[in-house]
Amino acid sequence: MAYIPTGLISNILSWLPVKPLLRFRCVSKPWRDLIDDRHFIRSHINRSFESKNNLSVILWYDDIYSLPFDSLNDAVTELDWPFKYSVDKTYFLGCCDGLVCLGIGDENAVIWNPATRKYRKLPVAPIEYPQGYVGEPEILFAIGYDSVTDDYKVVKVTSCGFSKYDSEVRVYSMKLDSWRRVEDIPRQHYIRRGYGRLNVFVCGSLHWMVSPEHSIVAFDMAAEEHRLLPGPEC
C-alpha cells in the first residue's frame, strides 16, 4: 500500500462532516489519535466556518432536532437526549463551536456535544449573597471560547435585586474543571434576565444588552474582563 503523508491525511479529514469523521476513529490508533488531537479539532472547526459546511441549526421544542444550515429544506434529525431530565425541564443557554450549554434548574449547567453524545455536568458554583439580601437571585449562563489558552469557558452572572447590587461573575474553565470569581459587573450595567438569554459570542467576547441605557456589556474570554460598549444609534 502506498504511503500517504500524515499531513495530507489530516488535511483531507479536516473537510469531512462530523459523523463520518467519528466513524473513521475506528480505522486505526494513529487515525484515532489524529482525530482526537486538539489542533486537528480546531482546524476542523475553522474549516467548517470558512466553507460554511458542517454547520447545523438546533431546533428546540418538545424534543430537540438538528437541521443542516446549508440546506434548510432537508428533513430534521432528532438528536439523542442523554439526560435523565426531559427537554422541557432544561433551558438552552447558548452554544459555541458545536458545544451546547444547557441549564438544569436554576443553578446547574451542562456542556453537551450532540455530535459525540458526550456531556459534562458543571460543578455548582457558590454564590456570595450581599449582606442583608433576601430573595431569589437571577442567574445567567453563557459559553464561549478562549483562543489564547485553547479553552472553552462558561460565564455565570448572578444578580441580586434589580440594579441594587453589583452582579457577581464567575468563570468556569473546561481545562481546569473549576470556577473562579472575577470582577463584578457594576449595578448600573444590570443584565436583565430577558436580555441575558440573548447573549452573542463574537470576536472572542460574549455580549449582552444591558438595562437601562441599552448599552452592551462585552466579556473578554481570554482576559476574563468586561467592558461597556455603546449601543447602536436609532
Protein backbone atom coordinates (compact mmCIF):
# COMPACT_ATOMS: atom_id res chain seq x y z
CA MET A 1 0.00 0.00 0.00
CA ALA A 2 1.35 3.41 -0.97
CA TYR A 3 2.48 5.69 1.85
CA ILE A 4 0.26 8.73 2.43
CA PRO A 5 1.80 11.58 4.43
CA THR A 6 0.11 12.29 7.75
CA GLY A 7 -0.24 15.96 6.82
CA LEU A 8 -2.21 15.05 3.70
CA ILE A 9 -4.48 12.69 5.66
CA SER A 10 -5.10 15.42 8.23
CA ASN A 11 -5.92 17.95 5.51
CA ILE A 12 -8.42 15.61 3.82
CA LEU A 13 -10.11 14.55 7.05
CA SER A 14 -10.48 18.14 8.24
CA TRP A 15 -13.00 18.80 5.45
CA LEU A 16 -15.31 15.91 6.36
CA PRO A 17 -18.61 16.14 8.29
CA VAL A 18 -18.52 15.14 11.94
CA LYS A 19 -20.40 11.82 11.69
CA PRO A 20 -18.09 10.07 9.17
CA LEU A 21 -15.12 11.61 10.95
CA LEU A 22 -16.13 9.92 14.19
CA ARG A 23 -16.53 6.60 12.37
CA PHE A 24 -13.00 6.92 10.97
CA ARG A 25 -11.64 6.90 14.53
CA CYS A 26 -12.07 3.12 14.29
CA VAL A 27 -9.72 2.77 11.29
CA SER A 28 -6.55 2.68 13.38
CA LYS A 29 -4.98 4.05 16.54
CA PRO A 30 -2.99 6.72 14.61
CA TRP A 31 -6.21 7.94 12.95
CA ARG A 32 -8.00 8.00 16.30
CA ASP A 33 -5.15 9.96 17.88
CA LEU A 34 -5.16 12.38 14.95
CA ILE A 35 -8.93 12.98 15.05
CA ASP A 36 -8.86 13.42 18.85
CA ASP A 37 -5.96 15.88 18.70
CA ARG A 38 -6.93 19.40 19.84
CA HIS A 39 -5.09 21.04 16.94
CA PHE A 40 -6.97 18.88 14.43
CA ILE A 41 -10.29 19.64 16.14
CA ARG A 42 -9.60 23.37 15.94
CA SER A 43 -8.61 23.04 12.27
CA HIS A 44 -11.85 21.14 11.56
CA ILE A 45 -13.92 23.83 13.29
CA ASN A 46 -12.17 26.62 11.37
CA ARG A 47 -12.69 24.80 8.06
CA SER A 48 -16.38 24.37 8.84
CA PHE A 49 -16.80 28.12 9.38
CA GLU A 50 -14.71 29.06 6.35
CA SER A 51 -16.59 26.76 3.98
CA LYS A 52 -19.94 27.11 5.81
CA ASN A 53 -20.17 23.32 5.66
CA ASN A 54 -20.91 21.06 8.61
CA LEU A 55 -22.99 23.81 10.24
CA SER A 56 -26.33 22.92 11.81
CA VAL A 57 -29.34 24.68 13.24
CA ILE A 58 -30.57 23.35 16.59
CA LEU A 59 -34.37 23.33 16.89
CA TRP A 60 -35.73 23.25 20.42
CA TYR A 61 -39.33 22.20 21.07
CA ASP A 62 -40.85 19.19 22.86
CA ASP A 63 -37.79 17.33 21.56
CA ILE A 64 -34.50 18.59 20.13
CA TYR A 65 -33.61 18.42 16.44
CA SER A 66 -30.73 19.22 14.09
CA LEU A 67 -31.08 20.74 10.62
CA PRO A 68 -28.23 21.33 8.10
CA PHE A 69 -27.61 25.07 7.84
CA ASP A 70 -26.80 24.93 4.12
CA SER A 71 -29.96 23.00 3.23
CA LEU A 72 -32.88 24.14 5.36
CA ASN A 73 -35.32 22.23 3.15
CA ASP A 74 -33.93 18.90 4.34
CA ALA A 75 -35.72 16.81 6.92
CA VAL A 76 -34.77 17.43 10.53
CA THR A 77 -32.90 14.82 12.55
CA GLU A 78 -33.98 14.12 16.12
CA LEU A 79 -30.97 14.18 18.42
CA ASP A 80 -30.34 11.60 21.11
CA TRP A 81 -31.11 13.08 24.51
CA PRO A 82 -28.65 11.60 27.05
CA PHE A 83 -30.02 13.25 30.19
CA LYS A 84 -32.49 11.93 32.74
CA TYR A 85 -34.20 15.34 32.64
CA SER A 86 -36.82 15.87 29.92
CA VAL A 87 -36.25 18.54 27.27
CA ASP A 88 -38.98 20.76 28.73
CA LYS A 89 -37.16 20.76 32.10
CA THR A 90 -33.96 22.18 30.63
CA TYR A 91 -33.01 25.53 29.14
CA PHE A 92 -30.91 26.37 26.10
CA LEU A 93 -28.29 28.85 27.32
CA GLY A 94 -26.02 29.18 24.31
CA CYS A 95 -23.63 27.35 22.01
CA CYS A 96 -20.09 27.67 20.72
CA ASP A 97 -18.25 25.55 18.13
CA GLY A 98 -20.79 22.74 18.37
CA LEU A 99 -20.86 22.68 22.17
CA VAL A 100 -24.27 23.41 23.68
CA CYS A 101 -24.69 24.91 27.14
CA LEU A 102 -27.86 23.77 28.90
CA GLY A 103 -29.42 24.88 32.16
CA ILE A 104 -30.94 22.34 34.54
CA GLY A 105 -32.93 24.02 37.27
CA ASP A 106 -31.79 27.44 38.44
CA GLU A 107 -28.14 26.82 39.29
CA ASN A 108 -26.88 23.78 37.38
CA ALA A 109 -25.39 23.84 33.90
CA VAL A 110 -24.26 21.16 31.45
CA ILE A 111 -21.96 21.34 28.41
CA TRP A 112 -23.17 18.90 25.75
CA ASN A 113 -21.66 17.86 22.42
CA PRO A 114 -24.54 16.48 20.31
CA ALA A 115 -22.10 15.12 17.69
CA THR A 116 -20.15 12.91 20.10
CA ARG A 117 -23.09 12.49 22.53
CA LYS A 118 -20.77 13.36 25.39
CA TYR A 119 -21.60 15.85 28.10
CA ARG A 120 -20.15 17.32 31.27
CA LYS A 121 -22.15 18.47 34.26
CA LEU A 122 -20.52 21.54 35.72
CA PRO A 123 -19.83 21.73 39.45
CA VAL A 124 -22.22 24.07 41.24
CA ALA A 125 -20.61 27.48 41.69
CA PRO A 126 -21.10 29.11 45.10
CA ILE A 127 -22.98 32.40 45.42
CA GLU A 128 -21.83 35.13 47.78
CA TYR A 129 -25.03 36.99 48.65
CA PRO A 130 -24.85 40.70 49.51
CA GLN A 131 -25.24 41.44 53.20
CA GLY A 132 -28.89 41.80 54.11
CA TYR A 133 -30.19 40.43 50.80
CA VAL A 134 -33.25 38.19 50.98
CA GLY A 135 -34.79 36.75 47.83
CA GLU A 136 -34.11 34.68 44.73
CA PRO A 137 -31.21 35.84 42.53
CA GLU A 138 -31.31 35.97 38.74
CA ILE A 139 -28.68 33.63 37.30
CA LEU A 140 -27.43 33.71 33.71
CA PHE A 141 -25.01 31.37 31.95
CA ALA A 142 -23.16 31.74 28.64
CA ILE A 143 -20.45 29.75 26.84
CA GLY A 144 -17.51 30.97 24.76
CA TYR A 145 -14.01 30.08 23.56
CA ASP A 146 -10.68 31.40 24.82
CA SER A 147 -8.31 31.23 21.84
CA VAL A 148 -5.27 32.20 23.94
CA THR A 149 -5.43 29.12 26.17
CA ASP A 150 -7.49 26.94 23.78
CA ASP A 151 -10.15 26.54 26.44
CA TYR A 152 -13.93 26.62 26.47
CA LYS A 153 -15.36 28.63 29.33
CA VAL A 154 -18.77 29.22 30.86
CA VAL A 155 -19.60 32.59 32.41
CA LYS A 156 -22.12 32.74 35.25
CA VAL A 157 -23.64 36.11 36.16
CA THR A 158 -25.64 36.32 39.40
CA SER A 159 -27.75 39.42 40.05
CA CYS A 160 -29.39 40.05 43.42
CA GLY A 161 -32.13 42.64 43.16
CA PHE A 162 -32.93 44.91 40.23
CA SER A 163 -29.94 47.28 39.93
CA LYS A 164 -29.46 47.32 43.72
CA TYR A 165 -26.22 45.34 43.89
CA ASP A 166 -23.27 44.64 41.63
CA SER A 167 -23.64 41.38 39.68
CA GLU A 168 -21.34 38.55 40.73
CA VAL A 169 -19.36 36.99 37.85
CA ARG A 170 -17.72 33.57 37.89
CA VAL A 171 -15.90 31.78 35.08
CA TYR A 172 -15.72 28.02 34.60
CA SER A 173 -12.75 26.53 32.71
CA MET A 174 -13.20 23.18 30.98
CA LYS A 175 -9.44 22.59 31.18
CA LEU A 176 -9.29 23.18 34.92
CA ASP A 177 -12.82 21.89 35.66
CA SER A 178 -13.29 24.65 38.22
CA TRP A 179 -14.89 28.04 38.79
CA ARG A 180 -13.17 31.27 39.78
CA ARG A 181 -14.63 34.63 40.67
CA VAL A 182 -13.68 37.66 38.59
CA GLU A 183 -14.57 41.35 38.72
CA ASP A 184 -18.25 42.10 39.34
CA ILE A 185 -20.40 43.90 36.79
CA PRO A 186 -21.49 47.27 38.29
CA ARG A 187 -25.13 47.61 39.30
CA GLN A 188 -25.76 50.35 36.71
CA HIS A 189 -24.97 47.79 33.99
CA TYR A 190 -27.51 45.27 35.22
CA ILE A 191 -28.22 42.48 32.71
CA ARG A 192 -31.94 41.85 32.74
CA ARG A 193 -32.94 38.22 32.50
CA GLY A 194 -34.75 38.68 29.19
CA TYR A 195 -31.67 40.29 27.69
CA GLY A 196 -29.35 37.74 29.31
CA ARG A 197 -30.91 34.86 27.42
CA LEU A 198 -29.79 36.56 24.20
CA ASN A 199 -26.02 36.54 24.57
CA VAL A 200 -23.84 36.56 21.45
CA PHE A 201 -20.27 35.26 21.25
CA VAL A 202 -18.18 37.05 18.63
CA CYS A 203 -14.52 38.13 18.28
CA GLY A 204 -13.51 36.35 21.47
CA SER A 205 -16.09 38.05 23.69
CA LEU A 206 -19.59 37.40 24.98
CA HIS A 207 -22.04 40.26 24.54
CA TRP A 208 -25.26 41.16 26.38
CA MET A 209 -27.67 44.06 26.14
CA VAL A 210 -27.89 45.82 29.49
CA SER A 211 -30.52 47.95 31.20
CA PRO A 212 -31.49 50.73 31.46
CA GLU A 213 -29.42 52.62 28.87
CA HIS A 214 -29.47 49.83 26.23
CA SER A 215 -25.72 49.59 26.06
CA ILE A 216 -23.75 46.38 25.58
CA VAL A 217 -21.56 44.57 28.08
CA ALA A 218 -18.74 42.63 26.41
CA PHE A 219 -16.87 39.95 28.37
CA ASP A 220 -13.42 39.06 27.01
CA MET A 221 -12.97 35.28 27.41
CA ALA A 222 -9.16 35.42 27.43
CA ALA A 223 -8.67 38.37 29.79
CA GLU A 224 -11.79 37.43 31.79
CA GLU A 225 -12.70 41.11 31.97
CA HIS A 226 -15.80 43.04 30.96
CA ARG A 227 -16.17 46.40 29.26
CA LEU A 228 -19.11 48.59 28.28
CA LEU A 229 -19.84 49.29 24.62
CA PRO A 230 -22.29 51.90 23.31
CA GLY A 231 -25.44 50.52 21.73
CA PRO A 232 -26.38 51.26 18.12
CA GLU A 233 -27.84 54.68 17.41
CA CYS A 234 -31.53 54.54 16.50
